[in-house]
Amino acid sequence: MAPTIRPRRSVLYMPGSNARALEKGRTLAADGLILDMEDAVAPDAKQTAREQIAAAIREGGYGRRELIVRTNGLDTAWGEDDLKAAARMGAHAVLLPKVESKAMVDRALAILDGAGAPGNLPVWAMMETPLGMLHAEEIAFASPRLQCLVMGTSDLAKDLKAQHTPDRLPFITSLGVCVLAARAAKISILDGVHLDLNDDEGFMAACRQGVELGMDGKTLIHPKTIAMANEAFSPTEEEITWANRIIEAHAEAEKEGKGVVLVDGRLVENLHVEGARQMVAMADAIQEMERAAEAAE
């Protein structure tokens, strides 16, 4: 499945057990919200989270924000019931935790479908265990409905016995493998969270690294980081201007029967134009989303 041209620069985790957070999500500038039943919810609040998430989605008011429901794992007491409930909630996607194989995706899809989910309801996969890293390709190609890989670097650090360093070098292999798998499968991929909310400089450095690695956006744990993520993962005015220039220059060259052209001394061929068109399309999608948000205020 080719990825939809849809901004996923900032995707914020929101605990489903927190009704105030679910309400606040309607006003935030995040591209997407992960309405969480798993890590952010205490065991005695799981049922409450499920009910409140369903009610919030039913009530609406989230505008163009993408709504993703994260369920508990199928190896827990809540996982299967979470999936059965999520099947009929009307979310844009269901996020599966700790995915380690195609079989796990297949099982989740079977439960969703058996519970009456729309036939095209996408699933996303949390990539947060060593076995998940080793099976990244298998997971990315598990189903045409598998739409996005979401890095879970906190759980991954625990299982790897790795440290959170400023350069994130302990995670580079895992991040790179998952980017390769996502791009091969033509699906989206989101970077993991940054845990230190007082470290704006470190957060922006992680965002820049995510952009350099090829991530589509970043998962977040606090609204204060939304604007920074949106800035980091948006094309700059200079990049958009350059993209339009090479699109136009290459089109003129093609009219003359040329496959390549020099623009400001740089060689431009079709592969560069393809990337430029994707950038312009994403910039247009971001502008459209922002205009819709302003109109709704």
C-alpha atoms as a PDB file:
ATOM      1  CA  MET A   1       0.000   0.000   0.000  1.00  0.00           C
ATOM      2  CA  ALA A   2       1.468   3.346  -1.031  1.00  0.00           C
ATOM      3  CA  PRO A   3       1.549   5.823   1.835  1.00  0.00           C
ATOM      4  CA  THR A   4      -1.161   8.486   1.776  1.00  0.00           C
ATOM      5  CA  ILE A   5       0.101  12.035   1.356  1.00  0.00           C
ATOM      6  CA  ARG A   6      -0.921  12.903   4.884  1.00  0.00           C
ATOM      7  CA  PRO A   7       1.164  14.858   7.390  1.00  0.00           C
ATOM      8  CA  ARG A   8       2.320  12.746  10.322  1.00  0.00           C
ATOM      9  CA  ARG A   9       4.913  15.179  11.643  1.00  0.00           C
ATOM     10  CA  SER A  10       3.606  15.125  15.216  1.00  0.00           C
ATOM     11  CA  VAL A  11       1.663  12.200  16.678  1.00  0.00           C
ATOM     12  CA  LEU A  12       0.844  12.600  20.367  1.00  0.00           C
ATOM     13  CA  TYR A  13       0.144   9.796  22.832  1.00  0.00           C
ATOM     14  CA  MET A  14      -2.942  10.552  24.944  1.00  0.00           C
ATOM     15  CA  PRO A  15      -4.041   8.307  27.852  1.00  0.00           C
ATOM     16  CA  GLY A  16      -7.557   7.090  27.206  1.00  0.00           C
ATOM     17  CA  SER A  17      -8.291   7.091  30.918  1.00  0.00           C
ATOM     18  CA  ASN A  18      -7.793  10.876  31.089  1.00  0.00           C
ATOM     19  CA  ALA A  19     -11.021  12.515  29.912  1.00  0.00           C
ATOM     20  CA  ARG A  20      -9.497  16.020  30.096  1.00  0.00           C
ATOM     21  CA  ALA A  21      -6.645  14.965  27.817  1.00  0.00           C
ATOM     22  CA  LEU A  22      -9.075  13.504  25.284  1.00  0.00           C
ATOM     23  CA  GLU A  23     -10.981  16.799  25.306  1.00  0.00           C
ATOM     24  CA  LYS A  24      -7.800  18.884  24.978  1.00  0.00           C
ATOM     25  CA  GLY A  25      -6.768  16.816  21.953  1.00  0.00           C
ATOM     26  CA  ARG A  26      -9.495  18.537  19.949  1.00  0.00           C
ATOM     27  CA  THR A  27      -7.585  21.826  20.160  1.00  0.00           C
ATOM     28  CA  LEU A  28      -3.975  20.711  19.707  1.00  0.00           C
ATOM     29  CA  ALA A  29      -1.937  21.278  16.539  1.00  0.00           C
ATOM     30  CA  ALA A  30      -0.777  17.651  16.365  1.00  0.00           C
ATOM     31  CA  ASP A  31      -1.221  15.879  13.036  1.00  0.00           C
ATOM     32  CA  GLY A  32      -2.328  12.745  14.851  1.00  0.00           C
ATOM     33  CA  LEU A  33      -3.383  11.487  18.266  1.00  0.00           C
ATOM     34  CA  ILE A  34      -2.682   7.999  19.619  1.00  0.00           C
ATOM     35  CA  LEU A  35      -5.568   7.350  22.002  1.00  0.00           C
ATOM     36  CA  ASP A  36      -3.879   4.921  24.324  1.00  0.00           C
ATOM     37  CA  MET A  37      -5.222   1.915  26.200  1.00  0.00           C
ATOM     38  CA  GLU A  38      -1.803   0.396  26.831  1.00  0.00           C
ATOM     39  CA  ASP A  39       1.295   1.860  28.546  1.00  0.00           C
ATOM     40  CA  ALA A  40      -0.264   5.163  29.608  1.00  0.00           C
ATOM     41  CA  VAL A  41      -3.181   3.454  31.390  1.00  0.00           C
ATOM     42  CA  ALA A  42      -3.108   1.703  34.776  1.00  0.00           C
ATOM     43  CA  PRO A  43      -4.527  -1.847  34.935  1.00  0.00           C
ATOM     44  CA  ASP A  44      -7.579  -0.787  36.939  1.00  0.00           C
ATOM     45  CA  ALA A  45      -8.395   1.931  34.383  1.00  0.00           C
ATOM     46  CA  LYS A  46      -8.261  -0.184  31.210  1.00  0.00           C
ATOM     47  CA  GLN A  47     -12.036  -0.551  30.890  1.00  0.00           C
ATOM     48  CA  THR A  48     -12.544   3.159  31.547  1.00  0.00           C
ATOM     49  CA  ALA A  49     -10.003   4.039  28.876  1.00  0.00           C
ATOM     50  CA  ARG A  50     -11.725   1.820  26.326  1.00  0.00           C
ATOM     51  CA  GLU A  51     -15.107   3.384  27.026  1.00  0.00           C
ATOM     52  CA  GLN A  52     -13.847   6.967  27.076  1.00  0.00           C
ATOM     53  CA  ILE A  53     -11.928   6.595  23.828  1.00  0.00           C
ATOM     54  CA  ALA A  54     -14.999   5.159  22.111  1.00  0.00           C
ATOM     55  CA  ALA A  55     -17.135   8.011  23.433  1.00  0.00           C
ATOM     56  CA  ALA A  56     -14.605  10.677  22.402  1.00  0.00           C
ATOM     57  CA  ILE A  57     -14.354   9.391  18.828  1.00  0.00           C
ATOM     58  CA  ARG A  58     -18.122   9.095  18.633  1.00  0.00           C
ATOM     59  CA  GLU A  59     -18.533  12.674  19.828  1.00  0.00           C
ATOM     60  CA  GLY A  60     -16.061  13.928  17.225  1.00  0.00           C
ATOM     61  CA  GLY A  61     -14.695  17.430  17.031  1.00  0.00           C
ATOM     62  CA  TYR A  62     -11.120  16.360  16.180  1.00  0.00           C
ATOM     63  CA  GLY A  63     -11.139  17.978  12.769  1.00  0.00           C
ATOM     64  CA  ARG A  64      -8.553  16.632  10.342  1.00  0.00           C
ATOM     65  CA  ARG A  65      -6.409  15.079  13.066  1.00  0.00           C
ATOM     66  CA  GLU A  66      -5.646  11.413  12.493  1.00  0.00           C
ATOM     67  CA  LEU A  67      -6.993   9.272  15.336  1.00  0.00           C
ATOM     68  CA  ILE A  68      -5.167   6.051  16.143  1.00  0.00           C
ATOM     69  CA  VAL A  69      -6.253   3.703  18.927  1.00  0.00           C
ATOM     70  CA  ARG A  70      -3.473   1.742  20.646  1.00  0.00           C
ATOM     71  CA  THR A  71      -4.699  -1.509  22.143  1.00  0.00           C
ATOM     72  CA  ASN A  72      -3.128  -3.759  24.737  1.00  0.00           C
ATOM     73  CA  GLY A  73      -1.258  -6.809  23.491  1.00  0.00           C
ATOM     74  CA  LEU A  74      -3.023 -10.076  22.751  1.00  0.00           C
ATOM     75  CA  ASP A  75      -0.925 -11.717  25.461  1.00  0.00           C
ATOM     76  CA  THR A  76      -2.713  -9.580  28.079  1.00  0.00           C
ATOM     77  CA  ALA A  77      -6.133  -9.905  29.683  1.00  0.00           C
ATOM     78  CA  TRP A  78      -7.398  -6.850  27.760  1.00  0.00           C
ATOM     79  CA  GLY A  79      -5.969  -7.215  24.262  1.00  0.00           C
ATOM     80  CA  GLU A  80      -8.672  -9.176  22.507  1.00  0.00           C
ATOM     81  CA  ASP A  81     -11.513  -7.114  23.968  1.00  0.00           C
ATOM     82  CA  ASP A  82      -9.620  -3.936  23.056  1.00  0.00           C
ATOM     83  CA  LEU A  83      -9.416  -5.043  19.428  1.00  0.00           C
ATOM     84  CA  LYS A  84     -13.089  -6.034  19.322  1.00  0.00           C
ATOM     85  CA  ALA A  85     -14.040  -2.621  20.681  1.00  0.00           C
ATOM     86  CA  ALA A  86     -11.605  -0.738  18.414  1.00  0.00           C
ATOM     87  CA  ALA A  87     -13.091  -2.470  15.375  1.00  0.00           C
ATOM     88  CA  ARG A  88     -16.250  -0.378  15.681  1.00  0.00           C
ATOM     89  CA  MET A  89     -14.922   2.882  17.167  1.00  0.00           C
ATOM     90  CA  GLY A  90     -14.447   4.753  13.902  1.00  0.00           C
ATOM     91  CA  ALA A  91     -10.733   5.441  14.412  1.00  0.00           C
ATOM     92  CA  HIS A  92      -8.488   5.994  11.406  1.00  0.00           C
ATOM     93  CA  ALA A  93      -6.184   3.142  12.450  1.00  0.00           C
ATOM     94  CA  VAL A  94      -5.440   0.648  15.224  1.00  0.00           C
ATOM     95  CA  LEU A  95      -1.929   0.554  16.685  1.00  0.00           C
ATOM     96  CA  LEU A  96      -0.722  -2.899  17.755  1.00  0.00           C
ATOM     97  CA  PRO A  97       1.903  -3.030  20.540  1.00  0.00           C
ATOM     98  CA  LYS A  98       5.118  -5.052  20.485  1.00  0.00           C
ATOM     99  CA  VAL A  99       4.656  -6.562  17.044  1.00  0.00           C
ATOM    100  CA  GLU A 100       7.208  -9.282  16.386  1.00  0.00           C
ATOM    101  CA  SER A 101       5.873 -11.254  13.404  1.00  0.00           C
ATOM    102  CA  LYS A 102       3.431 -11.387  10.512  1.00  0.00           C
ATOM    103  CA  ALA A 103       1.424 -13.910  12.525  1.00  0.00           C
ATOM    104  CA  MET A 104       0.730 -11.272  15.188  1.00  0.00           C
ATOM    105  CA  VAL A 105      -0.589  -8.871  12.555  1.00  0.00           C
ATOM    106  CA  ASP A 106      -2.691 -11.606  10.970  1.00  0.00           C
ATOM    107  CA  ARG A 107      -4.220 -12.559  14.312  1.00  0.00           C
ATOM    108  CA  ALA A 108      -5.101  -8.967  15.141  1.00  0.00           C
ATOM    109  CA  LEU A 109      -6.676  -8.417  11.717  1.00  0.00           C
ATOM    110  CA  ALA A 110      -8.735 -11.598  12.106  1.00  0.00           C
ATOM    111  CA  ILE A 111     -10.100 -10.361  15.439  1.00  0.00           C
ATOM    112  CA  LEU A 112     -10.840  -6.900  14.045  1.00  0.00           C
ATOM    113  CA  ASP A 113     -12.626  -8.335  11.019  1.00  0.00           C
ATOM    114  CA  GLY A 114     -14.554 -10.826  13.124  1.00  0.00           C
ATOM    115  CA  ALA A 115     -15.765  -7.949  15.276  1.00  0.00           C
ATOM    116  CA  GLY A 116     -17.125  -6.034  12.293  1.00  0.00           C
ATOM    117  CA  ALA A 117     -14.259  -3.689  11.453  1.00  0.00           C
ATOM    118  CA  PRO A 118     -14.389  -1.929   8.068  1.00  0.00           C
ATOM    119  CA  GLY A 119     -12.565  -4.042   5.529  1.00  0.00           C
ATOM    120  CA  ASN A 120     -10.043  -1.283   4.884  1.00  0.00           C
ATOM    121  CA  LEU A 121      -9.322  -0.346   8.529  1.00  0.00           C
ATOM    122  CA  PRO A 122      -5.540   0.124   8.679  1.00  0.00           C
ATOM    123  CA  VAL A 123      -3.299  -1.212  11.417  1.00  0.00           C
ATOM    124  CA  TRP A 124      -0.023   0.279  12.611  1.00  0.00           C
ATOM    125  CA  ALA A 125       2.746  -1.702  14.291  1.00  0.00           C
ATOM    126  CA  MET A 126       4.799  -0.734  17.340  1.00  0.00           C
ATOM    127  CA  MET A 127       8.415  -1.726  16.716  1.00  0.00           C
ATOM    128  CA  GLU A 128       9.861  -1.994  20.221  1.00  0.00           C
ATOM    129  CA  THR A 129      11.517  -5.371  20.799  1.00  0.00           C
ATOM    130  CA  PRO A 130      14.714  -6.990  19.528  1.00  0.00           C
ATOM    131  CA  LEU A 131      12.696  -9.722  17.793  1.00  0.00           C
ATOM    132  CA  GLY A 132      10.583  -7.054  16.125  1.00  0.00           C
ATOM    133  CA  MET A 133      13.756  -5.467  14.743  1.00  0.00           C
ATOM    134  CA  LEU A 134      14.924  -8.808  13.346  1.00  0.00           C
ATOM    135  CA  HIS A 135      11.529  -9.324  11.670  1.00  0.00           C
ATOM    136  CA  ALA A 136      11.034  -5.740  10.452  1.00  0.00           C
ATOM    137  CA  GLU A 137      10.735  -6.711   6.778  1.00  0.00           C
ATOM    138  CA  GLU A 138       8.222  -9.479   7.524  1.00  0.00           C
ATOM    139  CA  ILE A 139       6.116  -7.080   9.595  1.00  0.00           C
ATOM    140  CA  ALA A 140       6.235  -4.222   7.084  1.00  0.00           C
ATOM    141  CA  PHE A 141       4.962  -6.548   4.342  1.00  0.00           C
ATOM    142  CA  ALA A 142       2.525  -8.435   6.615  1.00  0.00           C
ATOM    143  CA  SER A 143      -0.643  -7.026   5.026  1.00  0.00           C
ATOM    144  CA  PRO A 144      -1.784  -4.331   2.586  1.00  0.00           C
ATOM    145  CA  ARG A 145      -3.567  -2.859   5.624  1.00  0.00           C
ATOM    146  CA  LEU A 146      -0.296  -2.433   7.563  1.00  0.00           C
ATOM    147  CA  GLN A 147       0.164   1.289   7.063  1.00  0.00           C
ATOM    148  CA  CYS A 148       2.824   2.538   9.486  1.00  0.00           C
ATOM    149  CA  LEU A 149       5.699   1.420  11.720  1.00  0.00           C
ATOM    150  CA  VAL A 150       6.006   3.258  15.042  1.00  0.00           C
ATOM    151  CA  MET A 151       9.339   3.108  16.850  1.00  0.00           C
ATOM    152  CA  GLY A 152       9.078   2.307  20.553  1.00  0.00           C
ATOM    153  CA  THR A 153      12.569   3.240  21.675  1.00  0.00           C
ATOM    154  CA  SER A 154      11.799   3.229  25.409  1.00  0.00           C
ATOM    155  CA  ASP A 155      10.823  -0.443  25.516  1.00  0.00           C
ATOM    156  CA  LEU A 156      13.564  -1.228  23.030  1.00  0.00           C
ATOM    157  CA  ALA A 157      16.190   0.355  25.283  1.00  0.00           C
ATOM    158  CA  LYS A 158      15.041  -1.809  28.178  1.00  0.00           C
ATOM    159  CA  ASP A 159      15.190  -5.035  26.169  1.00  0.00           C
ATOM    160  CA  LEU A 160      18.519  -4.163  24.536  1.00  0.00           C
ATOM    161  CA  LYS A 161      19.980  -3.012  27.857  1.00  0.00           C
ATOM    162  CA  ALA A 162      20.974   0.077  25.885  1.00  0.00           C
ATOM    163  CA  GLN A 163      21.323   3.652  27.073  1.00  0.00           C
ATOM    164  CA  HIS A 164      19.586   6.817  25.891  1.00  0.00           C
ATOM    165  CA  THR A 165      22.501   8.897  24.613  1.00  0.00           C
ATOM    166  CA  PRO A 166      22.312  12.335  22.942  1.00  0.00           C
ATOM    167  CA  ASP A 167      23.361  10.877  19.577  1.00  0.00           C
ATOM    168  CA  ARG A 168      21.057   7.835  19.981  1.00  0.00           C
ATOM    169  CA  LEU A 169      23.854   5.677  18.627  1.00  0.00           C
ATOM    170  CA  PRO A 170      22.587   2.574  20.522  1.00  0.00           C
ATOM    171  CA  PHE A 171      19.380   2.718  18.428  1.00  0.00           C
ATOM    172  CA  ILE A 172      20.843   3.518  15.016  1.00  0.00           C
ATOM    173  CA  THR A 173      20.823  -0.091  13.786  1.00  0.00           C
ATOM    174  CA  SER A 174      17.203  -0.606  14.845  1.00  0.00           C
ATOM    175  CA  LEU A 175      16.051   2.730  13.434  1.00  0.00           C
ATOM    176  CA  GLY A 176      17.848   2.095  10.162  1.00  0.00           C
ATOM    177  CA  VAL A 177      16.482  -1.434   9.743  1.00  0.00           C
ATOM    178  CA  CYS A 178      12.926  -0.206  10.297  1.00  0.00           C
ATOM    179  CA  VAL A 179      13.344   2.712   7.881  1.00  0.00           C
ATOM    180  CA  LEU A 180      14.583   0.251   5.260  1.00  0.00           C
ATOM    181  CA  ALA A 181      11.593  -2.034   5.848  1.00  0.00           C
ATOM    182  CA  ALA A 182       9.081   0.824   5.751  1.00  0.00           C
ATOM    183  CA  ARG A 183      10.484   2.329   2.585  1.00  0.00           C
ATOM    184  CA  ALA A 184      10.688  -1.058   0.869  1.00  0.00           C
ATOM    185  CA  ALA A 185       7.025  -1.676   1.731  1.00  0.00           C
ATOM    186  CA  LYS A 186       6.085   1.939   0.822  1.00  0.00           C
ATOM    187  CA  ILE A 187       4.523   2.630   4.213  1.00  0.00           C
ATOM    188  CA  SER A 188       5.070   5.351   6.807  1.00  0.00           C
ATOM    189  CA  ILE A 189       7.413   5.284   9.785  1.00  0.00           C
ATOM    190  CA  LEU A 190       7.388   7.416  12.945  1.00  0.00           C
ATOM    191  CA  ASP A 191      10.297   8.008  15.280  1.00  0.00           C
ATOM    192  CA  GLY A 192      10.200   7.186  19.000  1.00  0.00           C
ATOM    193  CA  VAL A 193       9.508   9.597  21.850  1.00  0.00           C
ATOM    194  CA  HIS A 194      11.954  11.924  23.595  1.00  0.00           C
ATOM    195  CA  LEU A 195      11.638  11.393  27.341  1.00  0.00           C
ATOM    196  CA  ASP A 196      13.201  14.561  28.788  1.00  0.00           C
ATOM    197  CA  LEU A 197      10.598  17.331  28.527  1.00  0.00           C
ATOM    198  CA  ASN A 198      13.074  19.917  29.827  1.00  0.00           C
ATOM    199  CA  ASP A 199      15.548  19.209  27.039  1.00  0.00           C
ATOM    200  CA  ASP A 200      14.309  21.234  24.061  1.00  0.00           C
ATOM    201  CA  GLU A 201      17.745  21.239  22.446  1.00  0.00           C
ATOM    202  CA  GLY A 202      17.998  17.455  22.697  1.00  0.00           C
ATOM    203  CA  PHE A 203      14.455  17.072  21.380  1.00  0.00           C
ATOM    204  CA  MET A 204      15.210  19.173  18.308  1.00  0.00           C
ATOM    205  CA  ALA A 205      18.448  17.262  17.740  1.00  0.00           C
ATOM    206  CA  ALA A 206      16.495  13.995  17.809  1.00  0.00           C
ATOM    207  CA  CYS A 207      13.952  15.459  15.372  1.00  0.00           C
ATOM    208  CA  ARG A 208      16.721  16.537  12.987  1.00  0.00           C
ATOM    209  CA  GLN A 209      18.232  13.064  13.201  1.00  0.00           C
ATOM    210  CA  GLY A 210      14.821  11.560  12.462  1.00  0.00           C
ATOM    211  CA  VAL A 211      14.489  13.752   9.384  1.00  0.00           C
ATOM    212  CA  GLU A 212      17.988  12.765   8.247  1.00  0.00           C
ATOM    213  CA  LEU A 213      17.177   9.073   8.717  1.00  0.00           C
ATOM    214  CA  GLY A 214      14.010   9.413   6.639  1.00  0.00           C
ATOM    215  CA  MET A 215      11.299   9.335   9.298  1.00  0.00           C
ATOM    216  CA  ASP A 216       7.904  10.852   8.469  1.00  0.00           C
ATOM    217  CA  GLY A 217       7.419  12.345  11.925  1.00  0.00           C
ATOM    218  CA  LYS A 218       7.842  11.861  15.646  1.00  0.00           C
ATOM    219  CA  THR A 219       5.707  10.388  18.401  1.00  0.00           C
ATOM    220  CA  LEU A 220       5.298  12.704  21.377  1.00  0.00           C
ATOM    221  CA  ILE A 221       4.392  12.502  25.046  1.00  0.00           C
ATOM    222  CA  HIS A 222       3.537  16.153  25.749  1.00  0.00           C
ATOM    223  CA  PRO A 223       1.733  18.935  23.834  1.00  0.00           C
ATOM    224  CA  LYS A 224       4.631  21.369  24.422  1.00  0.00           C
ATOM    225  CA  THR A 225       6.696  19.489  21.818  1.00  0.00           C
ATOM    226  CA  ILE A 226       4.101  19.590  19.017  1.00  0.00           C
ATOM    227  CA  ALA A 227       5.208  22.881  17.457  1.00  0.00           C
ATOM    228  CA  MET A 228       8.872  21.839  17.437  1.00  0.00           C
ATOM    229  CA  ALA A 229       8.076  18.520  15.758  1.00  0.00           C
ATOM    230  CA  ASN A 230       5.867  20.211  13.179  1.00  0.00           C
ATOM    231  CA  GLU A 231       8.658  22.637  12.365  1.00  0.00           C
ATOM    232  CA  ALA A 232      11.331  19.956  12.129  1.00  0.00           C
ATOM    233  CA  PHE A 233       9.359  17.644   9.847  1.00  0.00           C
ATOM    234  CA  SER A 234       7.930  20.347   7.560  1.00  0.00           C
ATOM    235  CA  PRO A 235       9.701  21.328   4.337  1.00  0.00           C
ATOM    236  CA  THR A 236      11.223  24.809   4.608  1.00  0.00           C
ATOM    237  CA  GLU A 237      10.283  27.629   2.234  1.00  0.00           C
ATOM    238  CA  GLU A 238      13.737  27.328   0.680  1.00  0.00           C
ATOM    239  CA  GLU A 239      13.289  23.591   0.111  1.00  0.00           C
ATOM    240  CA  ILE A 240       9.879  24.100  -1.474  1.00  0.00           C
ATOM    241  CA  THR A 241      11.213  26.854  -3.732  1.00  0.00           C
ATOM    242  CA  TRP A 242      14.097  24.635  -4.835  1.00  0.00           C
ATOM    243  CA  ALA A 243      11.767  21.690  -5.424  1.00  0.00           C
ATOM    244  CA  ASN A 244       9.514  23.757  -7.683  1.00  0.00           C
ATOM    245  CA  ARG A 245      12.530  25.091  -9.583  1.00  0.00           C
ATOM    246  CA  ILE A 246      13.892  21.662 -10.407  1.00  0.00           C
ATOM    247  CA  ILE A 247      10.433  20.372 -11.353  1.00  0.00           C
ATOM    248  CA  GLU A 248      10.025  23.235 -13.813  1.00  0.00           C
ATOM    249  CA  ALA A 249      13.582  23.010 -15.140  1.00  0.00           C
ATOM    250  CA  HIS A 250      13.352  19.266 -15.716  1.00  0.00           C
ATOM    251  CA  ALA A 251      10.001  19.656 -17.479  1.00  0.00           C
ATOM    252  CA  GLU A 252      11.568  22.186 -19.870  1.00  0.00           C
ATOM    253  CA  ALA A 253      14.514  19.857 -20.461  1.00  0.00           C
ATOM    254  CA  GLU A 254      12.179  16.985 -21.292  1.00  0.00           C
ATOM    255  CA  LYS A 255      10.474  19.120 -23.930  1.00  0.00           C
ATOM    256  CA  GLU A 256      13.880  19.402 -25.570  1.00  0.00           C
ATOM    257  CA  GLY A 257      14.388  15.669 -25.365  1.00  0.00           C
ATOM    258  CA  LYS A 258      16.869  15.825 -22.473  1.00  0.00           C
ATOM    259  CA  GLY A 259      16.750  13.515 -19.472  1.00  0.00           C
ATOM    260  CA  VAL A 260      18.970  15.626 -17.244  1.00  0.00           C
ATOM    261  CA  VAL A 261      19.467  19.349 -16.635  1.00  0.00           C
ATOM    262  CA  LEU A 262      21.799  21.570 -14.639  1.00  0.00           C
ATOM    263  CA  VAL A 263      20.172  23.902 -12.095  1.00  0.00           C
ATOM    264  CA  ASP A 264      22.596  26.240 -10.323  1.00  0.00           C
ATOM    265  CA  GLY A 265      25.395  23.876 -11.237  1.00  0.00           C
ATOM    266  CA  ARG A 266      23.616  20.826  -9.815  1.00  0.00           C
ATOM    267  CA  LEU A 267      22.723  17.847 -11.971  1.00  0.00           C
ATOM    268  CA  VAL A 268      18.989  17.131 -11.857  1.00  0.00           C
ATOM    269  CA  GLU A 269      17.457  13.951 -13.207  1.00  0.00           C
ATOM    270  CA  ASN A 270      14.150  12.167 -12.835  1.00  0.00           C
ATOM    271  CA  LEU A 271      14.856  10.693  -9.384  1.00  0.00           C
ATOM    272  CA  HIS A 272      15.395  14.205  -8.000  1.00  0.00           C
ATOM    273  CA  VAL A 273      12.161  15.387  -9.592  1.00  0.00           C
ATOM    274  CA  GLU A 274      10.257  12.510  -8.044  1.00  0.00           C
ATOM    275  CA  GLY A 275      11.480  13.489  -4.582  1.00  0.00           C
ATOM    276  CA  ALA A 276      10.705  17.137  -5.279  1.00  0.00           C
ATOM    277  CA  ARG A 277       7.129  16.316  -6.260  1.00  0.00           C
ATOM    278  CA  GLN A 278       6.657  14.346  -3.055  1.00  0.00           C
ATOM    279  CA  MET A 279       7.952  17.280  -1.031  1.00  0.00           C
ATOM    280  CA  VAL A 280       5.641  19.758  -2.756  1.00  0.00           C
ATOM    281  CA  ALA A 281       2.664  17.423  -2.293  1.00  0.00           C
ATOM    282  CA  MET A 282       3.443  17.120   1.424  1.00  0.00           C
ATOM    283  CA  ALA A 283       3.812  20.893   1.758  1.00  0.00           C
ATOM    284  CA  ASP A 284       0.416  21.334   0.078  1.00  0.00           C
ATOM    285  CA  ALA A 285      -1.147  18.767   2.432  1.00  0.00           C
ATOM    286  CA  ILE A 286       0.308  20.576   5.459  1.00  0.00           C
ATOM    287  CA  GLN A 287      -1.055  23.918   4.242  1.00  0.00           C
ATOM    288  CA  GLU A 288      -4.477  22.394   3.631  1.00  0.00           C
ATOM    289  CA  MET A 289      -4.531  20.920   7.144  1.00  0.00           C
ATOM    290  CA  GLU A 290      -3.493  24.229   8.706  1.00  0.00           C
ATOM    291  CA  ARG A 291      -6.129  26.163   6.745  1.00  0.00           C
ATOM    292  CA  ALA A 292      -8.801  23.710   7.867  1.00  0.00           C
ATOM    293  CA  ALA A 293      -7.687  24.077  11.495  1.00  0.00           C
ATOM    294  CA  GLU A 294      -7.845  27.889  11.262  1.00  0.00           C
ATOM    295  CA  ALA A 295     -11.303  27.749   9.707  1.00  0.00           C
ATOM    296  CA  ALA A 296     -12.530  25.526  12.519  1.00  0.00           C
ATOM    297  CA  GLU A 297     -11.397  27.965  15.257  1.00  0.00           C
END
